[in-house]
N, C-alpha and C. Protein backbone atom coordinates (compact mmCIF):
# COMPACT_ATOMS: atom_id res chain seq x y z
N MET A 1 0.85 -1.17 0.00
CA MET A 1 0.00 0.00 0.00
C MET A 1 0.90 1.24 0.00
N LEU A 2 0.63 2.19 -0.86
CA LEU A 2 1.41 3.42 -0.95
C LEU A 2 0.66 4.52 -0.22
N ILE A 3 1.36 5.21 0.69
CA ILE A 3 0.73 6.26 1.50
C ILE A 3 1.42 7.57 1.19
N GLU A 4 0.64 8.61 0.97
CA GLU A 4 1.19 9.95 0.73
C GLU A 4 1.61 10.54 2.07
N ARG A 5 2.91 10.79 2.25
CA ARG A 5 3.42 11.26 3.53
C ARG A 5 3.57 12.78 3.60
N SER A 6 3.45 13.48 2.51
CA SER A 6 3.71 14.93 2.49
C SER A 6 2.89 15.69 3.53
N PRO A 7 1.56 15.46 3.65
CA PRO A 7 0.80 16.22 4.65
C PRO A 7 1.29 15.92 6.08
N PHE A 8 1.63 14.66 6.33
CA PHE A 8 2.12 14.30 7.67
C PHE A 8 3.48 14.95 7.93
N LEU A 9 4.34 14.93 6.93
CA LEU A 9 5.66 15.50 7.08
C LEU A 9 5.57 17.01 7.31
N ALA A 10 4.69 17.68 6.59
CA ALA A 10 4.51 19.13 6.78
C ALA A 10 4.01 19.42 8.20
N SER A 11 3.10 18.61 8.70
CA SER A 11 2.59 18.79 10.06
C SER A 11 3.70 18.59 11.09
N LEU A 12 4.51 17.56 10.88
CA LEU A 12 5.62 17.31 11.80
C LEU A 12 6.66 18.42 11.74
N GLU A 13 6.92 18.96 10.55
CA GLU A 13 7.88 20.07 10.44
C GLU A 13 7.38 21.27 11.23
N GLY A 14 6.09 21.54 11.19
CA GLY A 14 5.51 22.64 11.97
C GLY A 14 5.68 22.43 13.47
N LEU A 15 5.43 21.20 13.91
CA LEU A 15 5.60 20.89 15.34
C LEU A 15 7.07 20.99 15.75
N LEU A 16 7.96 20.55 14.88
CA LEU A 16 9.38 20.64 15.18
C LEU A 16 9.81 22.10 15.28
N SER A 17 9.31 22.92 14.40
CA SER A 17 9.64 24.35 14.42
C SER A 17 9.20 24.97 15.75
N GLU A 18 7.99 24.62 16.21
CA GLU A 18 7.51 25.13 17.50
C GLU A 18 8.39 24.63 18.64
N ALA A 19 8.81 23.39 18.57
CA ALA A 19 9.66 22.84 19.63
C ALA A 19 11.00 23.56 19.66
N LEU A 20 11.57 23.82 18.49
CA LEU A 20 12.86 24.50 18.43
C LEU A 20 12.75 25.95 18.90
N ASP A 21 11.55 26.52 18.84
CA ASP A 21 11.31 27.88 19.35
C ASP A 21 11.06 27.90 20.84
N GLY A 22 11.06 26.74 21.49
CA GLY A 22 10.91 26.70 22.94
C GLY A 22 9.64 26.07 23.45
N SER A 23 8.72 25.73 22.59
CA SER A 23 7.50 25.05 23.03
C SER A 23 7.76 23.55 23.00
N GLY A 24 7.81 22.94 24.17
CA GLY A 24 8.10 21.51 24.23
C GLY A 24 7.06 20.69 23.50
N ARG A 25 7.51 19.66 22.86
CA ARG A 25 6.61 18.80 22.10
C ARG A 25 7.02 17.34 22.26
N LEU A 26 6.03 16.49 22.35
CA LEU A 26 6.23 15.06 22.29
C LEU A 26 5.27 14.58 21.22
N VAL A 27 5.79 13.94 20.22
CA VAL A 27 4.96 13.48 19.11
C VAL A 27 4.97 11.96 19.11
N PHE A 28 3.80 11.39 19.05
CA PHE A 28 3.65 9.94 18.99
C PHE A 28 3.24 9.56 17.58
N LEU A 29 4.06 8.78 16.91
CA LEU A 29 3.72 8.27 15.59
C LEU A 29 3.19 6.86 15.78
N GLY A 30 1.95 6.67 15.50
CA GLY A 30 1.34 5.36 15.68
C GLY A 30 0.75 4.84 14.39
N GLY A 31 0.51 3.58 14.35
CA GLY A 31 -0.11 2.98 13.18
C GLY A 31 0.30 1.53 13.04
N GLU A 32 -0.32 0.88 12.10
CA GLU A 32 -0.02 -0.53 11.85
C GLU A 32 1.41 -0.70 11.37
N ALA A 33 1.92 -1.87 11.56
CA ALA A 33 3.26 -2.18 11.09
C ALA A 33 3.32 -2.05 9.57
N GLY A 34 4.40 -1.42 9.10
CA GLY A 34 4.63 -1.33 7.66
C GLY A 34 4.00 -0.13 6.98
N VAL A 35 3.37 0.79 7.72
CA VAL A 35 2.74 1.93 7.06
C VAL A 35 3.71 3.10 6.86
N GLY A 36 4.91 3.00 7.42
CA GLY A 36 5.91 4.03 7.13
C GLY A 36 6.24 4.97 8.27
N LYS A 37 5.99 4.58 9.48
CA LYS A 37 6.28 5.46 10.62
C LYS A 37 7.78 5.76 10.72
N THR A 38 8.59 4.73 10.60
CA THR A 38 10.04 4.89 10.71
C THR A 38 10.57 5.73 9.55
N THR A 39 10.07 5.50 8.37
CA THR A 39 10.49 6.26 7.20
C THR A 39 10.12 7.74 7.36
N LEU A 40 8.94 8.00 7.88
CA LEU A 40 8.49 9.37 8.11
C LEU A 40 9.38 10.08 9.12
N ALA A 41 9.70 9.42 10.22
CA ALA A 41 10.58 10.01 11.24
C ALA A 41 11.97 10.26 10.67
N ALA A 42 12.48 9.34 9.89
CA ALA A 42 13.80 9.50 9.28
C ALA A 42 13.81 10.66 8.30
N ALA A 43 12.72 10.82 7.53
CA ALA A 43 12.64 11.93 6.58
C ALA A 43 12.64 13.27 7.32
N LEU A 44 11.92 13.35 8.41
CA LEU A 44 11.90 14.57 9.22
C LEU A 44 13.29 14.86 9.77
N ALA A 45 13.96 13.85 10.26
CA ALA A 45 15.30 14.04 10.82
C ALA A 45 16.25 14.55 9.75
N ASP A 46 16.15 13.99 8.54
CA ASP A 46 17.03 14.43 7.44
C ASP A 46 16.77 15.88 7.08
N ILE A 47 15.50 16.26 7.01
CA ILE A 47 15.14 17.63 6.63
C ILE A 47 15.60 18.62 7.70
N ALA A 48 15.35 18.29 8.95
CA ALA A 48 15.60 19.22 10.05
C ALA A 48 17.02 19.14 10.60
N GLY A 49 17.74 18.07 10.30
CA GLY A 49 19.07 17.91 10.85
C GLY A 49 19.06 17.62 12.34
N VAL A 50 18.08 16.86 12.80
CA VAL A 50 17.98 16.50 14.22
C VAL A 50 18.06 14.99 14.37
N ALA A 51 18.31 14.58 15.57
CA ALA A 51 18.35 13.15 15.87
C ALA A 51 16.97 12.68 16.28
N VAL A 52 16.63 11.51 15.88
CA VAL A 52 15.36 10.90 16.29
C VAL A 52 15.70 9.73 17.20
N ARG A 53 15.09 9.70 18.37
CA ARG A 53 15.29 8.60 19.30
C ARG A 53 14.11 7.66 19.19
N ARG A 54 14.40 6.37 19.16
CA ARG A 54 13.35 5.39 18.96
C ARG A 54 13.18 4.54 20.20
N GLY A 55 11.95 4.22 20.46
CA GLY A 55 11.62 3.25 21.48
C GLY A 55 10.60 2.30 20.89
N SER A 56 10.52 1.14 21.47
CA SER A 56 9.55 0.18 20.92
C SER A 56 8.90 -0.59 22.05
N CYS A 57 7.77 -1.13 21.75
CA CYS A 57 7.10 -1.95 22.75
C CYS A 57 6.30 -3.03 22.03
N ASP A 58 6.11 -4.11 22.74
CA ASP A 58 5.21 -5.15 22.27
C ASP A 58 4.65 -5.82 23.51
N ASN A 59 3.68 -6.63 23.33
CA ASN A 59 3.01 -7.25 24.47
C ASN A 59 3.87 -8.27 25.20
N VAL A 60 4.96 -8.70 24.58
CA VAL A 60 5.79 -9.74 25.18
C VAL A 60 6.89 -9.15 26.04
N THR A 61 7.64 -8.18 25.49
CA THR A 61 8.83 -7.70 26.19
C THR A 61 8.63 -6.41 26.97
N THR A 62 7.61 -5.62 26.70
CA THR A 62 7.42 -4.34 27.36
C THR A 62 6.12 -4.34 28.15
N ALA A 63 6.26 -4.41 29.46
CA ALA A 63 5.08 -4.43 30.32
C ALA A 63 4.64 -3.02 30.70
N GLU A 64 5.54 -2.04 30.59
CA GLU A 64 5.23 -0.69 31.02
C GLU A 64 4.65 0.12 29.87
N ALA A 65 3.66 0.95 30.21
CA ALA A 65 3.04 1.80 29.20
C ALA A 65 4.04 2.81 28.63
N LEU A 66 5.01 3.22 29.45
CA LEU A 66 6.00 4.19 29.00
C LEU A 66 7.26 3.53 28.46
N GLY A 67 7.18 2.26 28.14
CA GLY A 67 8.33 1.51 27.64
C GLY A 67 9.06 2.18 26.50
N PRO A 68 8.36 2.67 25.47
CA PRO A 68 9.08 3.32 24.37
C PRO A 68 9.86 4.55 24.81
N ILE A 69 9.30 5.32 25.73
CA ILE A 69 9.99 6.51 26.21
C ILE A 69 11.20 6.10 27.05
N LEU A 70 11.02 5.09 27.89
CA LEU A 70 12.12 4.61 28.72
C LEU A 70 13.24 4.05 27.86
N ASP A 71 12.91 3.44 26.73
CA ASP A 71 13.93 2.95 25.81
C ASP A 71 14.78 4.10 25.27
N ALA A 72 14.14 5.22 24.98
CA ALA A 72 14.83 6.35 24.36
C ALA A 72 15.59 7.21 25.37
N LEU A 73 15.20 7.23 26.64
CA LEU A 73 15.79 8.13 27.62
C LEU A 73 17.30 8.01 27.80
N PRO A 74 17.88 6.82 27.85
CA PRO A 74 19.33 6.78 28.06
C PRO A 74 20.11 7.55 27.01
N GLU A 75 19.58 7.67 25.82
CA GLU A 75 20.26 8.44 24.79
C GLU A 75 19.96 9.93 24.92
N LEU A 76 18.86 10.28 25.57
CA LEU A 76 18.49 11.69 25.67
C LEU A 76 19.15 12.37 26.86
N ILE A 77 19.24 11.70 27.99
CA ILE A 77 19.84 12.28 29.18
C ILE A 77 21.30 11.84 29.23
N THR A 78 22.17 12.79 29.05
CA THR A 78 23.60 12.47 29.03
C THR A 78 24.30 12.91 30.31
N ALA A 79 23.72 13.87 31.06
CA ALA A 79 24.34 14.34 32.30
C ALA A 79 23.34 15.14 33.09
N VAL A 80 23.55 15.18 34.37
CA VAL A 80 22.78 16.04 35.26
C VAL A 80 23.80 16.82 36.08
N ASP A 81 23.81 18.13 35.93
CA ASP A 81 24.73 18.98 36.67
C ASP A 81 23.99 19.68 37.78
N LEU A 82 24.48 19.52 38.99
CA LEU A 82 23.92 20.20 40.15
C LEU A 82 24.94 21.23 40.61
N PRO A 83 24.57 22.50 40.62
CA PRO A 83 25.54 23.50 41.06
C PRO A 83 25.80 23.35 42.55
N PRO A 84 27.05 23.47 42.96
CA PRO A 84 27.35 23.32 44.39
C PRO A 84 26.82 24.52 45.18
N LEU A 85 26.44 24.26 46.42
CA LEU A 85 26.06 25.35 47.31
C LEU A 85 27.32 26.11 47.70
N ALA A 86 27.25 27.41 47.67
CA ALA A 86 28.43 28.20 48.01
C ALA A 86 28.90 27.90 49.43
N PHE A 87 27.97 27.73 50.36
CA PHE A 87 28.36 27.52 51.75
C PHE A 87 28.67 26.06 52.08
N ALA A 88 28.52 25.17 51.12
CA ALA A 88 28.74 23.74 51.39
C ALA A 88 30.21 23.35 51.35
N ALA A 89 31.09 24.32 51.20
CA ALA A 89 32.51 23.99 51.25
C ALA A 89 32.83 23.36 52.60
N ARG A 90 32.11 23.79 53.61
CA ARG A 90 32.22 23.16 54.94
C ARG A 90 30.95 22.35 55.15
N SER A 91 31.07 21.09 54.88
CA SER A 91 29.94 20.18 55.05
C SER A 91 30.48 18.89 55.64
N ARG A 92 29.57 18.07 56.08
CA ARG A 92 30.00 16.84 56.74
C ARG A 92 28.96 15.75 56.51
N TYR A 93 29.45 14.53 56.44
CA TYR A 93 28.59 13.34 56.36
C TYR A 93 29.02 12.40 57.48
N ARG A 94 28.06 11.99 58.27
CA ARG A 94 28.36 11.05 59.36
C ARG A 94 27.44 9.85 59.21
N LYS A 95 28.05 8.67 59.28
CA LYS A 95 27.32 7.42 59.14
C LYS A 95 27.52 6.60 60.41
N VAL A 96 26.42 6.24 61.06
CA VAL A 96 26.49 5.43 62.27
C VAL A 96 26.05 4.02 61.90
N ARG A 97 26.95 3.06 62.15
CA ARG A 97 26.68 1.67 61.81
C ARG A 97 26.68 0.83 63.07
N ASP A 98 26.06 -0.32 62.99
CA ASP A 98 26.04 -1.25 64.11
C ASP A 98 27.44 -1.78 64.38
N ARG A 99 28.15 -2.12 63.32
CA ARG A 99 29.54 -2.58 63.41
C ARG A 99 30.28 -2.07 62.18
N ALA A 100 31.56 -1.95 62.29
CA ALA A 100 32.35 -1.42 61.17
C ALA A 100 32.24 -2.28 59.93
N SER A 101 31.90 -3.55 60.09
CA SER A 101 31.86 -4.44 58.93
C SER A 101 30.56 -4.30 58.14
N TYR A 102 29.53 -3.68 58.71
CA TYR A 102 28.25 -3.53 58.00
C TYR A 102 28.30 -2.30 57.11
N ALA A 103 27.86 -2.44 55.90
CA ALA A 103 27.92 -1.33 54.95
C ALA A 103 26.76 -0.36 55.12
N PHE A 104 25.61 -0.83 55.61
CA PHE A 104 24.45 0.05 55.67
C PHE A 104 24.45 0.83 56.98
N ALA A 105 23.84 2.02 56.93
CA ALA A 105 23.79 2.89 58.10
C ALA A 105 22.55 2.61 58.93
N LEU A 106 22.73 2.65 60.24
CA LEU A 106 21.55 2.71 61.12
C LEU A 106 20.94 4.09 60.97
N VAL A 107 21.79 5.10 61.00
CA VAL A 107 21.41 6.50 60.77
C VAL A 107 22.60 7.18 60.12
N SER A 108 22.34 8.05 59.16
CA SER A 108 23.39 8.89 58.61
C SER A 108 22.86 10.30 58.48
N VAL A 109 23.77 11.26 58.53
CA VAL A 109 23.40 12.67 58.41
C VAL A 109 24.38 13.34 57.47
N ALA A 110 23.84 14.05 56.49
CA ALA A 110 24.63 14.93 55.63
C ALA A 110 24.22 16.35 55.98
N ALA A 111 25.21 17.20 56.24
CA ALA A 111 24.89 18.55 56.70
C ALA A 111 25.83 19.57 56.08
N ALA A 112 25.28 20.74 55.77
CA ALA A 112 26.05 21.91 55.38
C ALA A 112 25.49 23.07 56.19
N LEU A 113 26.37 23.90 56.71
CA LEU A 113 25.95 24.93 57.65
C LEU A 113 26.65 26.24 57.33
N ASP A 114 25.88 27.32 57.27
CA ASP A 114 26.40 28.65 57.02
C ASP A 114 26.05 29.51 58.23
N VAL A 115 27.07 29.94 58.96
CA VAL A 115 26.87 30.72 60.18
C VAL A 115 27.62 32.04 60.05
N ALA A 116 26.97 33.13 60.46
CA ALA A 116 27.61 34.44 60.50
C ALA A 116 27.23 35.11 61.81
N ASP A 117 28.23 35.56 62.52
CA ASP A 117 28.02 36.24 63.81
C ASP A 117 27.20 35.40 64.77
N GLY A 118 27.43 34.09 64.76
CA GLY A 118 26.76 33.20 65.70
C GLY A 118 25.33 32.86 65.36
N VAL A 119 24.87 33.26 64.16
CA VAL A 119 23.49 32.99 63.73
C VAL A 119 23.51 32.15 62.46
N VAL A 120 22.64 31.17 62.39
CA VAL A 120 22.55 30.30 61.21
C VAL A 120 21.92 31.08 60.07
N ARG A 121 22.69 31.28 59.00
CA ARG A 121 22.13 31.95 57.81
C ARG A 121 21.43 30.95 56.91
N ASP A 122 22.07 29.79 56.73
CA ASP A 122 21.46 28.76 55.89
C ASP A 122 21.98 27.40 56.33
N VAL A 123 21.23 26.37 56.00
CA VAL A 123 21.57 25.02 56.42
C VAL A 123 20.91 24.03 55.49
N ARG A 124 21.55 22.90 55.27
CA ARG A 124 20.95 21.77 54.56
C ARG A 124 21.22 20.53 55.40
N LEU A 125 20.17 19.75 55.60
CA LEU A 125 20.28 18.51 56.37
C LEU A 125 19.52 17.40 55.66
N ALA A 126 20.13 16.25 55.59
CA ALA A 126 19.46 15.07 55.04
C ALA A 126 19.84 13.88 55.90
N LEU A 127 18.88 12.98 56.09
CA LEU A 127 19.08 11.79 56.91
C LEU A 127 19.01 10.55 56.03
N GLY A 128 19.79 9.55 56.39
CA GLY A 128 19.72 8.26 55.74
C GLY A 128 19.50 7.19 56.78
N GLY A 129 18.97 6.05 56.37
CA GLY A 129 18.75 4.94 57.28
C GLY A 129 17.51 5.06 58.14
N VAL A 130 16.73 6.12 57.94
CA VAL A 130 15.55 6.33 58.79
C VAL A 130 14.23 6.17 58.02
N ALA A 131 14.32 6.00 56.72
CA ALA A 131 13.12 5.86 55.90
C ALA A 131 13.50 5.03 54.67
N HIS A 132 12.53 4.82 53.79
CA HIS A 132 12.78 4.02 52.58
C HIS A 132 13.61 4.76 51.54
N LYS A 133 13.86 6.04 51.77
CA LYS A 133 14.69 6.85 50.88
C LYS A 133 15.35 7.94 51.71
N PRO A 134 16.35 8.62 51.17
CA PRO A 134 16.96 9.72 51.93
C PRO A 134 15.89 10.73 52.35
N TRP A 135 16.07 11.27 53.54
CA TRP A 135 15.05 12.13 54.15
C TRP A 135 15.60 13.54 54.30
N ARG A 136 15.06 14.48 53.54
CA ARG A 136 15.46 15.89 53.68
C ARG A 136 14.80 16.42 54.93
N ALA A 137 15.57 17.04 55.82
CA ALA A 137 15.07 17.51 57.11
C ALA A 137 14.59 18.96 56.99
N TRP A 138 13.49 19.14 56.30
CA TRP A 138 12.94 20.47 56.03
C TRP A 138 12.58 21.21 57.31
N LYS A 139 11.94 20.51 58.25
CA LYS A 139 11.50 21.17 59.50
C LYS A 139 12.71 21.64 60.31
N ALA A 140 13.72 20.81 60.39
CA ALA A 140 14.93 21.19 61.13
C ALA A 140 15.61 22.38 60.45
N GLU A 141 15.68 22.37 59.14
CA GLU A 141 16.30 23.49 58.41
C GLU A 141 15.56 24.79 58.70
N ALA A 142 14.22 24.74 58.64
CA ALA A 142 13.42 25.94 58.89
C ALA A 142 13.61 26.44 60.32
N ALA A 143 13.69 25.52 61.27
CA ALA A 143 13.86 25.90 62.67
C ALA A 143 15.22 26.54 62.91
N LEU A 144 16.21 26.16 62.13
CA LEU A 144 17.57 26.66 62.35
C LEU A 144 17.84 28.00 61.68
N ARG A 145 17.22 28.27 60.55
CA ARG A 145 17.50 29.54 59.85
C ARG A 145 17.13 30.72 60.75
N GLY A 146 18.13 31.56 61.01
CA GLY A 146 17.91 32.73 61.86
C GLY A 146 18.08 32.45 63.35
N ALA A 147 18.30 31.20 63.70
CA ALA A 147 18.46 30.82 65.10
C ALA A 147 19.94 30.91 65.49
N PRO A 148 20.19 31.01 66.80
CA PRO A 148 21.60 30.98 67.22
C PRO A 148 22.21 29.62 66.93
N ALA A 149 23.47 29.62 66.58
CA ALA A 149 24.17 28.37 66.26
C ALA A 149 24.70 27.76 67.55
N THR A 150 23.78 27.19 68.33
CA THR A 150 24.12 26.62 69.63
C THR A 150 23.65 25.17 69.70
N GLU A 151 24.19 24.45 70.65
CA GLU A 151 23.78 23.06 70.84
C GLU A 151 22.28 22.98 71.13
N GLU A 152 21.79 23.90 71.94
CA GLU A 152 20.36 23.88 72.29
C GLU A 152 19.49 24.11 71.05
N ALA A 153 19.86 25.05 70.20
CA ALA A 153 19.09 25.29 68.97
C ALA A 153 19.17 24.08 68.04
N PHE A 154 20.33 23.45 67.95
CA PHE A 154 20.48 22.26 67.12
C PHE A 154 19.58 21.13 67.64
N ARG A 155 19.53 20.98 68.96
CA ARG A 155 18.71 19.93 69.57
C ARG A 155 17.22 20.21 69.32
N ARG A 156 16.79 21.46 69.50
CA ARG A 156 15.38 21.80 69.25
C ARG A 156 15.00 21.55 67.79
N ALA A 157 15.90 21.89 66.87
CA ALA A 157 15.63 21.67 65.45
C ALA A 157 15.51 20.18 65.14
N ALA A 158 16.41 19.38 65.71
CA ALA A 158 16.35 17.93 65.49
C ALA A 158 15.07 17.35 66.07
N GLU A 159 14.67 17.82 67.24
CA GLU A 159 13.42 17.34 67.85
C GLU A 159 12.21 17.74 67.03
N ALA A 160 12.25 18.96 66.45
CA ALA A 160 11.13 19.39 65.59
C ALA A 160 11.02 18.47 64.37
N GLU A 161 12.16 18.10 63.81
CA GLU A 161 12.16 17.22 62.64
C GLU A 161 11.61 15.84 62.98
N LEU A 162 11.96 15.35 64.14
CA LEU A 162 11.62 13.96 64.51
C LEU A 162 10.34 13.84 65.32
N ALA A 163 9.66 14.95 65.57
CA ALA A 163 8.46 14.93 66.42
C ALA A 163 7.38 14.00 65.89
N ASP A 164 7.24 13.90 64.59
CA ASP A 164 6.18 13.07 63.99
C ASP A 164 6.67 11.69 63.57
N ALA A 165 7.88 11.33 63.98
CA ALA A 165 8.44 10.03 63.59
C ALA A 165 7.55 8.90 64.10
N GLN A 166 7.36 7.90 63.28
CA GLN A 166 6.57 6.72 63.64
C GLN A 166 7.44 5.48 63.44
N PRO A 167 8.30 5.20 64.42
CA PRO A 167 9.21 4.07 64.26
C PRO A 167 8.46 2.75 64.20
N LEU A 168 9.08 1.80 63.55
CA LEU A 168 8.53 0.45 63.47
C LEU A 168 9.00 -0.36 64.67
N THR A 169 8.38 -1.50 64.85
CA THR A 169 8.79 -2.39 65.93
C THR A 169 10.27 -2.73 65.78
N GLY A 170 11.03 -2.52 66.82
CA GLY A 170 12.44 -2.89 66.78
C GLY A 170 13.38 -1.80 66.32
N ASN A 171 12.87 -0.64 65.87
CA ASN A 171 13.80 0.41 65.48
C ASN A 171 13.50 1.77 66.12
N ALA A 172 12.77 1.76 67.21
CA ALA A 172 12.47 3.01 67.92
C ALA A 172 13.74 3.70 68.40
N PHE A 173 14.81 2.93 68.59
CA PHE A 173 16.09 3.50 69.03
C PHE A 173 16.65 4.50 68.02
N LYS A 174 16.18 4.43 66.76
CA LYS A 174 16.71 5.32 65.74
C LYS A 174 16.30 6.77 65.94
N VAL A 175 15.18 7.01 66.61
CA VAL A 175 14.72 8.39 66.81
C VAL A 175 15.72 9.17 67.67
N PRO A 176 16.03 8.71 68.90
CA PRO A 176 17.04 9.46 69.67
C PRO A 176 18.43 9.41 69.03
N LEU A 177 18.74 8.31 68.35
CA LEU A 177 20.03 8.21 67.67
C LEU A 177 20.13 9.27 66.58
N ALA A 178 19.08 9.42 65.78
CA ALA A 178 19.07 10.43 64.71
C ALA A 178 19.20 11.83 65.31
N ARG A 179 18.47 12.10 66.38
CA ARG A 179 18.56 13.41 67.03
C ARG A 179 20.01 13.68 67.45
N ASN A 180 20.63 12.72 68.11
CA ASN A 180 21.99 12.91 68.61
C ASN A 180 23.01 13.07 67.48
N VAL A 181 22.81 12.32 66.38
CA VAL A 181 23.74 12.42 65.26
C VAL A 181 23.59 13.77 64.56
N ILE A 182 22.37 14.27 64.43
CA ILE A 182 22.16 15.61 63.85
C ILE A 182 22.90 16.64 64.69
N VAL A 183 22.67 16.62 65.99
CA VAL A 183 23.28 17.61 66.88
C VAL A 183 24.81 17.52 66.82
N ARG A 184 25.36 16.31 66.92
CA ARG A 184 26.81 16.13 66.91
C ARG A 184 27.43 16.60 65.59
N THR A 185 26.77 16.30 64.48
CA THR A 185 27.29 16.70 63.17
C THR A 185 27.31 18.21 63.04
N LEU A 186 26.25 18.87 63.48
CA LEU A 186 26.21 20.34 63.41
C LEU A 186 27.24 20.96 64.35
N LEU A 187 27.42 20.40 65.54
CA LEU A 187 28.44 20.90 66.46
C LEU A 187 29.84 20.75 65.87
N ASP A 188 30.08 19.62 65.21
CA ASP A 188 31.38 19.41 64.55
C ASP A 188 31.62 20.46 63.47
N LEU A 189 30.57 20.79 62.73
CA LEU A 189 30.71 21.83 61.71
C LEU A 189 31.01 23.18 62.35
N MET A 190 30.41 23.46 63.48
CA MET A 190 30.69 24.72 64.19
C MET A 190 32.14 24.76 64.65
N GLN A 191 32.65 23.63 65.12
CA GLN A 191 34.05 23.59 65.55
C GLN A 191 34.98 23.82 64.36
N GLU A 192 34.64 23.25 63.20
CA GLU A 192 35.43 23.48 61.99
C GLU A 192 35.41 24.96 61.64
N GLU A 193 34.23 25.58 61.76
CA GLU A 193 34.06 26.99 61.42
C GLU A 193 34.93 27.86 62.32
N ALA A 194 35.07 27.46 63.58
CA ALA A 194 35.84 28.26 64.53
C ALA A 194 37.34 28.15 64.30
N GLN A 195 37.77 27.06 63.66
CA GLN A 195 39.20 26.89 63.41
C GLN A 195 39.62 27.67 62.18
N PRO A 196 40.79 28.32 62.25
CA PRO A 196 41.25 29.10 61.09
C PRO A 196 41.69 28.22 59.95
């Protein structure tokens, strides 16, 4: 069967032009096997000088609805750059383990602290080993900004973060452990700050 592709190609060129102007576009070419979807995409790529990423799915090998997109992503995402925090030059990571031979943390804390004239200007805190994924300590961060950089303020911030903790059977010990590790890590950062 011969299919006239010119109207489809013109439509795709218009969508590509909009995408290149900043309007994001995702185009799905669908149809029966052999009708020319691949040829149409290749023609557009040749005309526009762009790369076309392909994904495929079938009922046997692709169980996910987004399978074709997931197939194409490794070629689309080549890097993720995260700009460093200016104040994170002084940061610390502390990992508390049951024994030195165990790789996983009972509790871990990553912290960056910015203090000026004894007052916390900014802070970042994240916990590991306390949930199914790393835990950003938003409540503790909010409690610390503008607060004095003291052990008591660090303790209050840690308690605010952990106030709603719902430990499971057998791991309730992690709540006070997390509080103590947060406080100790922030105190260590303060001691580093005080040293020339």
